[in-house]
Structure formats: structure tokens, C-alpha cells
Protein backbone atom coordinates (compact mmCIF):
# COMPACT_ATOMS: atom_id res chain seq x y z
CA MET A 1 7.77 -50.97 96.59
CA ALA A 2 6.59 -54.84 95.78
CA SER A 3 3.97 -53.73 93.87
CA ARG A 4 5.76 -52.09 91.54
CA SER A 5 8.30 -54.71 90.35
CA LEU A 6 5.62 -57.04 90.46
CA MET A 7 3.06 -54.56 88.27
CA ALA A 8 7.12 -54.00 85.63
CA LEU A 9 7.23 -57.76 85.90
CA THR A 10 3.29 -57.83 84.42
CA ALA A 11 4.26 -56.11 82.08
CA GLY A 12 7.22 -57.88 81.03
CA THR A 13 5.50 -61.14 80.72
CA ALA A 14 2.66 -59.64 78.91
CA GLY A 15 4.10 -57.99 76.34
CA ALA A 16 6.25 -60.95 75.77
CA ILE A 17 3.58 -63.48 75.56
CA ILE A 18 1.86 -60.93 72.89
CA LEU A 19 5.34 -60.71 70.90
CA GLY A 20 5.63 -64.26 71.30
CA TYR A 21 2.14 -64.59 70.31
CA CYS A 22 2.54 -61.99 66.93
CA LEU A 23 6.31 -63.91 65.85
CA TYR A 24 4.46 -67.74 65.89
CA PHE A 25 1.38 -66.47 63.72
CA ASP A 26 3.89 -64.74 61.51
CA GLN A 27 6.01 -67.25 61.39
CA LYS A 28 2.89 -69.75 60.69
CA ARG A 29 0.90 -67.26 58.00
CA ARG A 30 4.30 -66.52 55.79
CA SER A 31 4.73 -70.56 55.57
CA ASP A 32 1.40 -71.48 54.62
CA PRO A 33 1.49 -72.13 50.65
CA GLU A 34 -1.80 -70.14 50.21
CA TYR A 35 -0.14 -67.51 51.27
CA LYS A 36 2.48 -66.80 49.33
CA ARG A 37 0.52 -68.22 45.90
CA LYS A 38 -1.94 -64.99 47.54
CA ILE A 39 0.64 -63.09 47.77
CA ARG A 40 1.93 -63.59 43.99
CA GLU A 41 -1.50 -63.22 42.39
CA ARG A 42 -1.82 -59.86 43.98
CA ARG A 43 1.27 -58.80 43.45
CA GLN A 44 0.95 -59.76 39.54
CA ARG A 45 -2.82 -57.74 39.75
CA ASP A 46 -1.34 -55.13 40.54
CA LEU A 47 1.69 -54.99 38.13
CA ALA A 48 -1.25 -55.22 35.45
CA THR A 49 -3.40 -53.11 36.69
CA ASN A 50 -0.69 -50.09 37.24
CA GLU A 51 0.49 -50.56 33.40
CA ASN A 52 -3.15 -50.50 32.32
CA GLN A 53 -3.63 -47.82 33.85
CA ALA A 54 -0.08 -46.22 32.28
CA ILE A 55 -0.86 -47.39 28.56
CA SER A 56 -4.73 -45.84 28.94
CA ASP A 57 -3.09 -42.47 30.41
CA THR A 58 -0.87 -42.44 27.05
CA ILE A 59 -3.86 -43.31 25.06
CA ASP A 60 -5.63 -40.46 26.57
CA GLN A 61 -2.96 -38.01 26.21
CA SER A 62 -2.39 -38.43 22.51
CA ALA A 63 -5.61 -38.67 21.51
CA LEU A 64 -5.92 -35.80 23.45
CA GLU A 65 -2.70 -34.09 21.49
CA LEU A 66 -4.62 -35.33 18.16
CA SER A 67 -8.18 -33.15 19.37
CA PHE A 68 -6.00 -30.56 19.85
CA TYR A 69 -4.23 -30.50 16.57
CA ASN A 70 -6.81 -31.34 15.18
CA GLU A 71 -9.05 -28.36 16.49
CA MET A 72 -5.66 -25.82 15.57
CA LYS A 73 -6.07 -27.05 11.90
CA VAL A 74 -9.74 -27.01 11.45
CA GLY A 75 -10.03 -23.74 12.92
CA GLU A 76 -7.02 -22.00 10.71
CA GLN A 77 -8.74 -23.37 7.55
CA LEU A 78 -11.91 -21.95 8.32
CA ILE A 79 -10.20 -18.95 9.37
CA SER A 80 -8.47 -18.93 5.82
CA SER A 81 -11.81 -19.44 3.42
CA GLY A 82 -13.33 -16.57 5.58
CA ASN A 83 -15.40 -18.64 7.73
CA ILE A 84 -14.22 -16.42 11.11
CA ALA A 85 -17.36 -17.16 13.21
CA ASP A 86 -16.41 -21.23 13.09
CA GLY A 87 -13.00 -21.21 12.79
CA VAL A 88 -12.23 -18.68 16.20
CA THR A 89 -14.73 -21.69 17.27
CA HIS A 90 -12.22 -24.51 16.85
CA PHE A 91 -9.83 -22.07 18.25
CA ALA A 92 -11.62 -21.84 21.29
CA ASN A 93 -11.84 -25.16 21.80
CA ALA A 94 -7.98 -26.00 21.33
CA ILE A 95 -7.17 -23.22 24.06
CA MET A 96 -10.23 -24.73 26.39
CA MET A 97 -8.74 -28.11 26.08
CA CYS A 98 -4.68 -26.94 26.17
CA ALA A 99 -3.06 -28.08 29.05
CA GLN A 100 -1.06 -24.11 29.29
CA PRO A 101 -3.49 -22.26 27.58
CA LEU A 102 -1.92 -19.03 29.16
CA PRO A 103 1.24 -19.34 26.74
CA LEU A 104 -1.41 -20.49 24.02
CA PHE A 105 -3.43 -17.09 24.16
CA GLN A 106 -0.67 -15.05 23.84
CA THR A 107 0.69 -16.53 20.87
CA PHE A 108 -3.00 -15.93 19.19
CA GLN A 109 -3.16 -12.70 20.51
CA GLU A 110 0.09 -11.50 18.72
CA SER A 111 -0.53 -13.17 15.37
CA LEU A 112 -4.23 -12.43 15.19
CA PRO A 113 -5.63 -9.68 13.75
CA ASP A 114 -8.10 -8.40 16.04
CA PHE A 115 -11.40 -8.91 14.20
CA VAL A 116 -10.65 -12.50 14.36
CA PHE A 117 -8.66 -11.79 17.91
CA MET A 118 -11.78 -9.87 19.02
CA PRO A 119 -14.46 -12.58 18.83
CA LEU A 120 -12.29 -15.58 20.51
CA LEU A 121 -11.92 -13.36 22.92
CA MET A 122 -15.68 -13.67 23.69
CA LYS A 123 -15.93 -17.17 22.94
CA LEU A 124 -13.67 -18.16 25.20
CA THR A 125 -15.95 -15.71 28.22
CA GLU A 126 -18.53 -17.67 26.94
CA LEU A 127 -17.18 -21.36 27.16
CA GLN A 128 -15.41 -20.22 30.38
CA ALA A 129 -19.11 -19.77 31.34
CA ASN A 130 -20.82 -22.56 30.29
CA ARG A 131 -17.98 -24.45 31.85
CA SER A 132 -18.22 -23.22 35.08
CA SER A 133 -22.13 -23.02 35.37
CA SER A 134 -22.07 -27.17 33.87
CA LYS A 135 -19.69 -27.77 37.05
CA ASP A 136 -21.91 -25.21 39.66
CA ASN A 137 -24.88 -27.56 38.36
CA SER A 138 -23.10 -30.88 38.60
CA THR A 139 -21.92 -30.72 42.32
CA SER A 140 -25.27 -28.63 43.07
CA THR A 141 -27.68 -31.29 41.42
CA PRO A 142 -28.10 -34.71 43.37
CA ASP A 143 -28.03 -37.98 41.23
CA THR A 144 -31.23 -39.46 41.22
CA VAL A 145 -31.54 -42.79 40.12
């Protein structure tokens, strides 16, 4: 019985010493002027990084939208001028860069005549095969420097 109370007293004392040690050094760390300066600098750096990332995401998104609209416009112009093969290529590029390609694909299916839609379907299959083979090659081949 005495050994249990001695062990409990020892464990309690050790816990109190560890807690006191932690509190002492935490108070010492927080009162250090360099600590406050470093925290302030880190927060400003993190805030600037987050703002720069948000701006670059917005720029990337707007550039992607501009490229999408450009591909659509060029594809329409080429098909209306009779150059179906090149127009289909631009439409396929637009579908591949679209965030939600299925609704766009369905719109093309409903609005384009079969002699334009079928080459578009073949071009999309070709681009998808190229995309998947390039991903397989990039993941299976180690980078050598």
C-alpha cells in the first residue's frame, strides 16, 4: 500500500515538474522580443503567399477561359469557311480544356451535323488516347538528370 502511494506521489511530482518546466519556458519564449518579431514576419509572409497564390489562380483561370473561348471562336470560323478538319481540331481542344466537358459535348452532338460531329468524336478519342499514353509514359519513366 505504501509503495502505491509513493508511486502516485512520485508520478504527481514528476508531472508537476514537467508542467512547471513547460510553463516557464513558454513564458520565457513569449516574452522574447525576437519571438514576437519572428511570429509577425511569418504571419505576413504566409498572408502574402496566400494572396499571391489566389491572384495566380485567378490569372490561370482567366487565361484558361480566354483560351477556351478562343478555341471555340477559331473552330466556328474554320468550320463556317469550310475547313472542317482544322475546325474540329479546335473544338476538340476546347472540349479537352473544359472543366465540364460532357454538357459541351452534348451541345455539340445536338447542334453539329453528323459530317462534323463524327470527325470531332474521332479527334476526341485520339486526343484522349494521346493524353493517357503521355501520362503513362511520364509516370513510368524516371526522370534522369
